[in-house]
Every structure is written in C-alpha cells, then in structure tokens.
C-alpha atoms as a PDB file:
ATOM      1  CA  MET A   1      -1.281  12.394  -6.740  1.00  0.00           C
ATOM      2  CA  LEU A   2      -3.015  13.728  -3.665  1.00  0.00           C
ATOM      3  CA  PRO A   3      -3.540  12.111  -0.815  1.00  0.00           C
ATOM      4  CA  GLN A   4      -7.226  10.966  -1.167  1.00  0.00           C
ATOM      5  CA  GLU A   5      -5.628   9.816  -4.598  1.00  0.00           C
ATOM      6  CA  ILE A   6      -3.098   7.615  -3.082  1.00  0.00           C
ATOM      7  CA  PHE A   7      -5.758   6.451  -0.292  1.00  0.00           C
ATOM      8  CA  ASN A   8      -8.455   5.659  -3.080  1.00  0.00           C
ATOM      9  CA  THR A   9      -6.028   3.629  -5.319  1.00  0.00           C
ATOM     10  CA  VAL A  10      -4.423   1.468  -2.613  1.00  0.00           C
ATOM     11  CA  GLN A  11      -8.131   0.752  -0.851  1.00  0.00           C
ATOM     12  CA  THR A  12      -9.540   0.113  -4.399  1.00  0.00           C
ATOM     13  CA  LYS A  13      -6.502  -2.080  -5.681  1.00  0.00           C
ATOM     14  CA  LEU A  14      -6.391  -4.267  -2.159  1.00  0.00           C
ATOM     15  CA  ARG A  15     -10.073  -4.657  -1.840  1.00  0.00           C
ATOM     16  CA  SER A  16     -10.138  -6.011  -5.582  1.00  0.00           C
ATOM     17  CA  GLN A  17      -6.999  -8.137  -4.561  1.00  0.00           C
ATOM     18  CA  ARG A  18      -8.449  -9.569  -1.376  1.00  0.00           C
ATOM     19  CA  GLU A  19      -5.414 -10.733   0.047  1.00  0.00           C
ATOM     20  CA  ALA A  20      -1.928  -9.428   1.004  1.00  0.00           C
ATOM     21  CA  SER A  21       1.298 -10.045  -1.068  1.00  0.00           C
ATOM     22  CA  THR A  22       3.812 -12.426  -0.335  1.00  0.00           C
ATOM     23  CA  ASP A  23       6.194 -14.688  -1.373  1.00  0.00           C
ATOM     24  CA  GLY A  24       4.263 -17.133   1.087  1.00  0.00           C
ATOM     25  CA  ILE A  25       6.313 -15.634   4.147  1.00  0.00           C
ATOM     26  CA  HIS A  26       7.200 -12.004   3.631  1.00  0.00           C
ATOM     27  CA  CYS A  27       5.607  -9.172   2.424  1.00  0.00           C
ATOM     28  CA  MET A  28       6.447  -8.183  -0.854  1.00  0.00           C
ATOM     29  CA  TYR A  29       5.783  -5.299  -3.427  1.00  0.00           C
ATOM     30  CA  ARG A  30       5.345  -7.633  -6.010  1.00  0.00           C
ATOM     31  CA  GLY A  31       4.248 -11.197  -4.839  1.00  0.00           C
ATOM     32  CA  ARG A  32       2.643 -14.523  -5.626  1.00  0.00           C
ATOM     33  CA  ASN A  33      -0.033 -14.573  -8.531  1.00  0.00           C
ATOM     34  CA  GLY A  34       0.198 -10.757  -9.300  1.00  0.00           C
ATOM     35  CA  ASN A  35      -0.418  -9.346  -6.427  1.00  0.00           C
ATOM     36  CA  ARG A  36       1.170  -5.945  -5.006  1.00  0.00           C
ATOM     37  CA  CYS A  37       1.357  -4.530  -1.582  1.00  0.00           C
ATOM     38  CA  ALA A  38      -0.054  -1.202  -1.107  1.00  0.00           C
ATOM     39  CA  VAL A  39       3.074   0.161  -1.867  1.00  0.00           C
ATOM     40  CA  GLY A  40       3.503  -1.710  -4.670  1.00  0.00           C
ATOM     41  CA  HIS A  41       0.003  -0.883  -6.661  1.00  0.00           C
ATOM     42  CA  LEU A  42       1.825   2.868  -6.071  1.00  0.00           C
ATOM     43  CA  ILE A  43       5.162   1.625  -8.247  1.00  0.00           C
ATOM     44  CA  SER A  44       4.259   1.810 -11.985  1.00  0.00           C
ATOM     45  CA  ASP A  45       5.945  -1.502 -13.678  1.00  0.00           C
ATOM     46  CA  ASP A  46       8.405   1.230 -15.392  1.00  0.00           C
ATOM     47  CA  ILE A  47       9.547   2.252 -12.204  1.00  0.00           C
ATOM     48  CA  TYR A  48       9.435  -1.271 -10.757  1.00  0.00           C
ATOM     49  CA  ASP A  49      12.934  -3.176  -9.355  1.00  0.00           C
ATOM     50  CA  PRO A  50      13.094  -6.449  -7.778  1.00  0.00           C
ATOM     51  CA  LYS A  51      16.040  -4.736  -5.741  1.00  0.00           C
ATOM     52  CA  MET A  52      13.111  -2.919  -4.100  1.00  0.00           C
ATOM     53  CA  GLU A  53      11.977  -6.136  -2.308  1.00  0.00           C
ATOM     54  CA  GLY A  54      12.717  -6.033   1.499  1.00  0.00           C
ATOM     55  CA  LEU A  55      13.276  -2.289   1.591  1.00  0.00           C
ATOM     56  CA  GLY A  56      11.304  -0.123   3.462  1.00  0.00           C
ATOM     57  CA  ILE A  57       9.458   3.381   2.315  1.00  0.00           C
ATOM     58  CA  SER A  58      12.575   5.460   3.312  1.00  0.00           C
ATOM     59  CA  ASN A  59      15.274   3.368   1.325  1.00  0.00           C
ATOM     60  CA  LEU A  60      12.947   3.264  -1.593  1.00  0.00           C
ATOM     61  CA  LEU A  61      12.913   7.080  -1.655  1.00  0.00           C
ATOM     62  CA  ALA A  62      16.929   6.981  -0.722  1.00  0.00           C
ATOM     63  CA  ARG A  63      17.858   4.512  -3.653  1.00  0.00           C
ATOM     64  CA  PHE A  64      15.172   5.258  -6.331  1.00  0.00           C
ATOM     65  CA  GLU A  65      13.786   7.735  -8.349  1.00  0.00           C
ATOM     66  CA  LEU A  66      10.035   7.397  -7.184  1.00  0.00           C
ATOM     67  CA  PRO A  67       7.010   9.908  -8.222  1.00  0.00           C
ATOM     68  CA  ASN A  68       7.345  13.177  -5.948  1.00  0.00           C
ATOM     69  CA  TYR A  69       4.074  11.788  -4.450  1.00  0.00           C
ATOM     70  CA  PHE A  70       6.277   9.212  -2.231  1.00  0.00           C
ATOM     71  CA  HIS A  71       8.337  12.197  -1.127  1.00  0.00           C
ATOM     72  CA  LEU A  72       5.356  14.571  -0.246  1.00  0.00           C
ATOM     73  CA  GLU A  73       3.063  11.802   1.304  1.00  0.00           C
ATOM     74  CA  CYS A  74       5.780   9.579   2.854  1.00  0.00           C
ATOM     75  CA  SER A  75       3.944   9.258   6.153  1.00  0.00           C
ATOM     76  CA  LEU A  76       0.387   8.483   4.412  1.00  0.00           C
ATOM     77  CA  ILE A  77       2.489   5.647   2.305  1.00  0.00           C
ATOM     78  CA  GLN A  78       3.693   4.132   5.079  1.00  0.00           C
ATOM     79  CA  GLU A  79       0.694   4.031   7.059  1.00  0.00           C
ATOM     80  CA  LEU A  80      -1.036   2.194   4.444  1.00  0.00           C
ATOM     81  CA  GLN A  81       1.717  -0.291   3.670  1.00  0.00           C
ATOM     82  CA  SER A  82       1.702  -0.873   7.524  1.00  0.00           C
ATOM     83  CA  ALA A  83      -2.161  -1.646   7.024  1.00  0.00           C
ATOM     84  CA  HIS A  84      -1.546  -3.951   4.452  1.00  0.00           C
ATOM     85  CA  ASP A  85       1.817  -5.982   6.343  1.00  0.00           C
ATOM     86  CA  LEU A  86      -0.031  -5.815   9.803  1.00  0.00           C
ATOM     87  CA  HIS A  87      -3.588  -6.314   9.018  1.00  0.00           C
ATOM     88  CA  LEU A  88      -4.408  -7.661   5.495  1.00  0.00           C
ATOM     89  CA  VAL A  89      -1.920 -10.336   6.264  1.00  0.00           C
ATOM     90  CA  SER A  90      -4.407 -11.099   8.988  1.00  0.00           C
ATOM     91  CA  SER A  91      -7.969 -10.662   7.638  1.00  0.00           C
ATOM     92  CA  LEU A  92      -9.480  -8.309   5.377  1.00  0.00           C
ATOM     93  CA  ASP A  93     -11.779  -7.114   8.175  1.00  0.00           C
ATOM     94  CA  GLU A  94      -9.036  -5.877  10.492  1.00  0.00           C
ATOM     95  CA  TRP A  95      -7.390  -4.307   7.193  1.00  0.00           C
ATOM     96  CA  GLU A  96     -11.103  -2.404   6.616  1.00  0.00           C
ATOM     97  CA  LEU A  97     -10.869  -1.005  10.664  1.00  0.00           C
ATOM     98  CA  GLU A  98      -7.445   0.121   9.961  1.00  0.00           C
ATOM     99  CA  MET A  99      -8.169   1.753   6.654  1.00  0.00           C
ATOM    100  CA  GLN A 100     -10.734   3.528   8.441  1.00  0.00           C
ATOM    101  CA  LYS A 101      -8.553   4.800  11.163  1.00  0.00           C
ATOM    102  CA  ILE A 102      -6.072   5.795   8.301  1.00  0.00           C
ATOM    103  CA  ALA A 103      -8.515   7.784   6.668  1.00  0.00           C
ATOM    104  CA  HIS A 104      -9.550   9.642   9.881  1.00  0.00           C
ATOM    105  CA  ARG A 105      -6.409  10.241  11.149  1.00  0.00           C
ATOM    106  CA  ASN A 106      -5.388  11.825   7.682  1.00  0.00           C
ATOM    107  CA  ARG A 107      -8.631  13.608   7.102  1.00  0.00           C
ATOM    108  CA  LEU A 108      -9.970  11.833   4.112  1.00  0.00           C
ATOM    109  CA  ILE A 109     -12.771  10.065   3.296  1.00  0.00           C
ATOM    110  CA  TYR A 110     -13.134   6.499   3.790  1.00  0.00           C
ATOM    111  CA  THR A 111     -15.960   4.782   1.509  1.00  0.00           C
ATOM    112  CA  PRO A 112     -17.672   1.285   2.863  1.00  0.00           C
ATOM    113  CA  GLU A 113     -17.179  -1.510   0.816  1.00  0.00           C
ATOM    114  CA  PRO A 114     -20.514  -2.178  -1.321  1.00  0.00           C
ATOM    115  CA  LEU A 115     -22.207  -4.893  -0.428  1.00  0.00           C
END
C-alpha cells in the first residue's frame, strides 16, 4: 500500500465511522460497536489479535507479522494514529484539521469531506 492509499483508507474509514474507537476509556484498535482506530482499519481481520490492544506501533511491528507497508510507512501510520488518539477523541473538526496537516507534511493530497 502506498502512502496516499494508507492516508485515503484511514480518512475514508474514520469519516464514515465519525468517532474514535475506544473501550469507553482507552483508544482501541478494535473498539465498541465495531469501531476501529486509524491503525485498526489497516489491520485485516485475519491478522488482528486481541493481544495487540495497548501496544504502540513499534511494539506491534516487533511482536506481530504485519504487512510490509507498516514497516515502510511507520512514521505516517504513527501520525495517523496520533490524529485518532488525540484529535478524533475530542472532535471530528479537530481531526479533519490534523489530517490536513498530516497530508501537507507528507506531501499527500487531502480531499475535504463532501458537504
């Protein structure tokens, strides 16, 4: 998966979801109501393991066999995760602003949400 594809996947999935993935307190790769966080949307069901919960990206890479693009685009994936954990938890508008910044920093195309 290329950086733009990673960004678009996370942006589309989280816009559709419209809220953070939590257990009510902590952010989760797989949360309540079938929600997923930014990284959770990049982890397929056949790879996901509940033991992943609570681990950061670096620990996921060390302990689980993830697609190669996790290694190649680790920095971008960490930024997308932070946007979920720090901004989507608060507000969809804050998250959208952070996604614009991530796109700019990584020379990606940000597409505003259709009205």
